[in-house]
Amino acid sequence: MPETCGICGETVPFDATVHTVIHTHSEAGVLDAYVCRPCYEERLGPMFERIDTQEQSH
């Protein structure tokens, strides 16, 4: 079953997605979306790599 990327809007096969859940702690609530692998690798993944690096330095 295909999914629509929550970032670029491309329709991709389910096995080519990353499931993302972000709790905003705001009125927007929880954002639950699938993103395509390229969007994850280019836009989301690097954000979490920085967090991991910061946590390891403490």
Protein backbone atom coordinates (compact mmCIF):
# COMPACT_ATOMS: atom_id res chain seq x y z
CA MET A 1 0.00 0.00 0.00
CA PRO A 2 1.51 3.37 -0.95
CA GLU A 3 1.92 6.26 1.46
CA THR A 4 2.20 9.99 0.84
CA CYS A 5 5.35 11.63 2.19
CA GLY A 6 4.49 14.19 4.86
CA ILE A 7 7.29 16.46 3.63
CA CYS A 8 7.44 16.41 -0.17
CA GLY A 9 4.01 14.93 -0.94
CA GLU A 10 5.43 12.16 -3.15
CA THR A 11 3.51 8.87 -3.15
CA VAL A 12 5.92 6.04 -2.34
CA PRO A 13 5.68 2.32 -1.48
CA PHE A 14 5.17 1.67 2.24
CA ASP A 15 8.52 -0.12 2.52
CA ALA A 16 10.25 3.06 1.30
CA THR A 17 8.94 5.19 4.19
CA VAL A 18 9.99 6.15 7.70
CA HIS A 19 7.21 6.46 10.29
CA THR A 20 7.58 9.67 12.27
CA VAL A 21 5.74 10.72 15.43
CA ILE A 22 6.44 14.16 16.90
CA HIS A 23 4.79 15.37 20.09
CA THR A 24 4.65 19.14 19.80
CA HIS A 25 3.48 19.91 23.35
CA SER A 26 1.19 22.49 21.76
CA GLU A 27 -2.36 22.75 20.45
CA ALA A 28 -1.13 20.97 17.31
CA GLY A 29 -0.78 17.84 19.43
CA VAL A 30 0.99 14.81 18.01
CA LEU A 31 2.09 14.81 14.38
CA ASP A 32 2.00 11.30 12.96
CA ALA A 33 3.23 10.93 9.38
CA TYR A 34 5.17 8.80 6.97
CA VAL A 35 8.07 10.39 5.12
CA CYS A 36 9.97 9.00 2.15
CA ARG A 37 13.50 7.76 2.76
CA PRO A 38 15.17 10.63 0.82
CA CYS A 39 13.31 13.28 2.88
CA TYR A 40 14.23 11.47 6.07
CA GLU A 41 17.89 11.19 5.11
CA GLU A 42 18.14 14.79 3.88
CA ARG A 43 15.94 16.64 6.38
CA LEU A 44 14.95 14.70 9.50
CA GLY A 45 17.80 12.26 10.08
CA PRO A 46 20.50 14.93 10.37
CA MET A 47 18.55 16.67 13.16
CA PHE A 48 18.66 13.54 15.29
CA GLU A 49 22.33 12.91 14.53
CA ARG A 50 23.09 16.33 16.06
CA ILE A 51 21.05 15.44 19.16
CA ASP A 52 22.94 12.14 19.54
CA THR A 53 26.28 13.95 19.22
CA GLN A 54 25.30 16.55 21.84
CA GLU A 55 24.13 13.89 24.31
CA GLN A 56 27.38 11.93 23.95
CA SER A 57 29.47 15.02 24.70
CA HIS A 58 27.84 15.56 28.12
